[in-house]
Amino acid sequence: MTYYVIYRNDERAGGPAGLFVMDVGEGKAILWDHRSGGWAFDPALVVRFVNDYRNDDRYETVDRAAAERVAETISGGAELPDEDDIRAMFAAGASAAGSQSSGQP
């Protein structure tokens, strides 16, 4: 798993603003969703952000321990899910995405 700390701007003023967790090999990712106040499966948004050269200075990869600290800071105290729970979120999110697209005519 790769953990990305996200900043509002390239100067990183004000500290971390977000957190992504991605399985790069599988193309699956979750992020802290400030609007819903929870972890959300959104690999398309994560890939779009990380692959956009304009954001190169707005994120950094960190280890799990640093990601845990950032998660509590940006979420107002919610913990980063453990890796088994993250994998379950990846599986559930991929399954939901697949069922949505299969229902399209």
C-alpha atoms as a PDB file:
ATOM      1  CA  MET A   1       0.000   0.000   0.000  1.00  0.00           C
ATOM      2  CA  THR A   2       1.114   3.499  -0.752  1.00  0.00           C
ATOM      3  CA  TYR A   3       0.086   6.348   1.531  1.00  0.00           C
ATOM      4  CA  TYR A   4      -0.108   9.876   0.114  1.00  0.00           C
ATOM      5  CA  VAL A   5      -0.377  12.983   2.274  1.00  0.00           C
ATOM      6  CA  ILE A   6      -2.123  15.777   0.380  1.00  0.00           C
ATOM      7  CA  TYR A   7      -1.566  19.514   0.848  1.00  0.00           C
ATOM      8  CA  ARG A   8      -3.738  22.454  -0.214  1.00  0.00           C
ATOM      9  CA  ASN A   9      -0.915  24.110  -2.145  1.00  0.00           C
ATOM     10  CA  ASP A  10       2.653  23.532  -3.226  1.00  0.00           C
ATOM     11  CA  GLU A  11       4.051  25.489  -0.265  1.00  0.00           C
ATOM     12  CA  ARG A  12       2.372  22.967   2.070  1.00  0.00           C
ATOM     13  CA  ALA A  13       1.332  25.836   4.313  1.00  0.00           C
ATOM     14  CA  GLY A  14      -1.149  24.896   7.007  1.00  0.00           C
ATOM     15  CA  GLY A  15      -0.122  21.246   7.137  1.00  0.00           C
ATOM     16  CA  PRO A  16      -1.803  18.205   5.589  1.00  0.00           C
ATOM     17  CA  ALA A  17      -5.241  18.601   4.058  1.00  0.00           C
ATOM     18  CA  GLY A  18      -5.978  15.038   2.956  1.00  0.00           C
ATOM     19  CA  LEU A  19      -4.856  11.451   2.759  1.00  0.00           C
ATOM     20  CA  PHE A  20      -5.001   8.845   0.000  1.00  0.00           C
ATOM     21  CA  VAL A  21      -4.287   5.130   0.375  1.00  0.00           C
ATOM     22  CA  MET A  22      -3.619   3.272  -2.854  1.00  0.00           C
ATOM     23  CA  ASP A  23      -2.770  -0.203  -4.040  1.00  0.00           C
ATOM     24  CA  VAL A  24      -0.875   0.967  -7.088  1.00  0.00           C
ATOM     25  CA  GLY A  25      -0.668  -2.510  -8.636  1.00  0.00           C
ATOM     26  CA  GLU A  26      -4.427  -3.032  -8.417  1.00  0.00           C
ATOM     27  CA  GLY A  27      -5.413   0.561  -9.205  1.00  0.00           C
ATOM     28  CA  LYS A  28      -7.641   0.760  -6.127  1.00  0.00           C
ATOM     29  CA  ALA A  29      -7.690   3.657  -3.680  1.00  0.00           C
ATOM     30  CA  ILE A  30      -9.515   5.237  -0.775  1.00  0.00           C
ATOM     31  CA  LEU A  31      -9.388   8.763   0.575  1.00  0.00           C
ATOM     32  CA  TRP A  32     -10.678  10.701   3.535  1.00  0.00           C
ATOM     33  CA  ASP A  33     -13.878  12.407   2.321  1.00  0.00           C
ATOM     34  CA  HIS A  34     -14.334  15.618   4.300  1.00  0.00           C
ATOM     35  CA  ARG A  35     -17.911  16.058   3.095  1.00  0.00           C
ATOM     36  CA  SER A  36     -19.182  12.682   4.244  1.00  0.00           C
ATOM     37  CA  GLY A  37     -16.814  12.472   7.205  1.00  0.00           C
ATOM     38  CA  GLY A  38     -15.562   9.010   6.290  1.00  0.00           C
ATOM     39  CA  TRP A  39     -13.301   6.922   4.122  1.00  0.00           C
ATOM     40  CA  ALA A  40     -14.433   6.662   0.497  1.00  0.00           C
ATOM     41  CA  PHE A  41     -13.433   4.425  -2.411  1.00  0.00           C
ATOM     42  CA  ASP A  42     -12.467   6.722  -5.280  1.00  0.00           C
ATOM     43  CA  PRO A  43      -9.537   5.401  -7.322  1.00  0.00           C
ATOM     44  CA  ALA A  44     -10.337   7.624 -10.306  1.00  0.00           C
ATOM     45  CA  LEU A  45      -9.922  10.805  -8.271  1.00  0.00           C
ATOM     46  CA  VAL A  46      -6.715   9.567  -6.624  1.00  0.00           C
ATOM     47  CA  VAL A  47      -5.116   8.520  -9.923  1.00  0.00           C
ATOM     48  CA  ARG A  48      -6.172  11.771 -11.593  1.00  0.00           C
ATOM     49  CA  PHE A  49      -4.632  13.815  -8.759  1.00  0.00           C
ATOM     50  CA  VAL A  50      -1.383  11.860  -8.434  1.00  0.00           C
ATOM     51  CA  ASN A  51      -0.817  11.646 -12.195  1.00  0.00           C
ATOM     52  CA  ASP A  52      -1.343  15.391 -12.760  1.00  0.00           C
ATOM     53  CA  TYR A  53       2.106  17.016 -12.928  1.00  0.00           C
ATOM     54  CA  ARG A  54       0.610  20.237 -11.523  1.00  0.00           C
ATOM     55  CA  ASN A  55       0.140  18.421  -8.211  1.00  0.00           C
ATOM     56  CA  ASP A  56       3.699  17.072  -7.924  1.00  0.00           C
ATOM     57  CA  ASP A  57       4.497  19.484  -5.068  1.00  0.00           C
ATOM     58  CA  ARG A  58       1.126  19.001  -3.346  1.00  0.00           C
ATOM     59  CA  TYR A  59       1.637  15.455  -2.091  1.00  0.00           C
ATOM     60  CA  GLU A  60       4.240  13.171  -0.604  1.00  0.00           C
ATOM     61  CA  THR A  61       4.382   9.458   0.054  1.00  0.00           C
ATOM     62  CA  VAL A  62       4.757   8.475   3.692  1.00  0.00           C
ATOM     63  CA  ASP A  63       4.968   5.298   5.728  1.00  0.00           C
ATOM     64  CA  ARG A  64       2.002   3.793   7.565  1.00  0.00           C
ATOM     65  CA  ALA A  65       2.925   5.369  10.927  1.00  0.00           C
ATOM     66  CA  ALA A  66       2.972   8.873   9.425  1.00  0.00           C
ATOM     67  CA  ALA A  67      -0.291   8.173   7.586  1.00  0.00           C
ATOM     68  CA  GLU A  68      -1.924   7.136  10.870  1.00  0.00           C
ATOM     69  CA  ARG A  69      -0.947  10.454  12.479  1.00  0.00           C
ATOM     70  CA  VAL A  70      -2.174  12.444   9.471  1.00  0.00           C
ATOM     71  CA  ALA A  71      -5.467  10.522   9.386  1.00  0.00           C
ATOM     72  CA  GLU A  72      -6.292  11.526  12.948  1.00  0.00           C
ATOM     73  CA  THR A  73      -5.370  15.154  12.230  1.00  0.00           C
ATOM     74  CA  ILE A  74      -7.364  15.621   9.023  1.00  0.00           C
ATOM     75  CA  SER A  75     -10.375  13.607  10.154  1.00  0.00           C
ATOM     76  CA  GLY A  76     -10.852  15.151  13.565  1.00  0.00           C
ATOM     77  CA  GLY A  77      -9.820  11.958  15.341  1.00  0.00           C
ATOM     78  CA  ALA A  78     -10.894   9.079  13.090  1.00  0.00           C
ATOM     79  CA  GLU A  79      -8.272   6.377  12.765  1.00  0.00           C
ATOM     80  CA  LEU A  80      -6.815   5.096   9.541  1.00  0.00           C
ATOM     81  CA  PRO A  81      -8.380   1.666   8.882  1.00  0.00           C
ATOM     82  CA  ASP A  82      -6.001  -1.261   9.267  1.00  0.00           C
ATOM     83  CA  GLU A  83      -4.725  -2.871   6.067  1.00  0.00           C
ATOM     84  CA  ASP A  84      -7.270  -5.718   6.177  1.00  0.00           C
ATOM     85  CA  ASP A  85     -10.118  -3.199   6.423  1.00  0.00           C
ATOM     86  CA  ILE A  86      -8.589  -1.154   3.604  1.00  0.00           C
ATOM     87  CA  ARG A  87      -8.467  -4.252   1.382  1.00  0.00           C
ATOM     88  CA  ALA A  88     -12.116  -4.960   2.265  1.00  0.00           C
ATOM     89  CA  MET A  89     -12.995  -1.386   1.253  1.00  0.00           C
ATOM     90  CA  PHE A  90     -11.122  -1.891  -2.028  1.00  0.00           C
ATOM     91  CA  ALA A  91     -13.063  -5.099  -2.709  1.00  0.00           C
ATOM     92  CA  ALA A  92     -16.434  -3.581  -1.773  1.00  0.00           C
ATOM     93  CA  GLY A  93     -15.756  -0.420  -3.772  1.00  0.00           C
ATOM     94  CA  ALA A  94     -14.647  -2.328  -6.851  1.00  0.00           C
ATOM     95  CA  SER A  95     -17.668  -4.592  -6.574  1.00  0.00           C
ATOM     96  CA  ALA A  96     -20.060  -1.623  -6.265  1.00  0.00           C
ATOM     97  CA  ALA A  97     -18.397   0.132  -9.201  1.00  0.00           C
ATOM     98  CA  GLY A  98     -18.728  -3.010 -11.298  1.00  0.00           C
ATOM     99  CA  SER A  99     -22.395  -3.462 -10.482  1.00  0.00           C
ATOM    100  CA  GLN A 100     -23.129   0.165 -11.324  1.00  0.00           C
ATOM    101  CA  SER A 101     -21.495  -0.046 -14.711  1.00  0.00           C
ATOM    102  CA  SER A 102     -23.120  -3.382 -15.529  1.00  0.00           C
ATOM    103  CA  GLY A 103     -26.537  -1.841 -15.029  1.00  0.00           C
ATOM    104  CA  GLN A 104     -25.983   0.673 -17.790  1.00  0.00           C
ATOM    105  CA  PRO A 105     -27.625  -0.012 -21.154  1.00  0.00           C
END
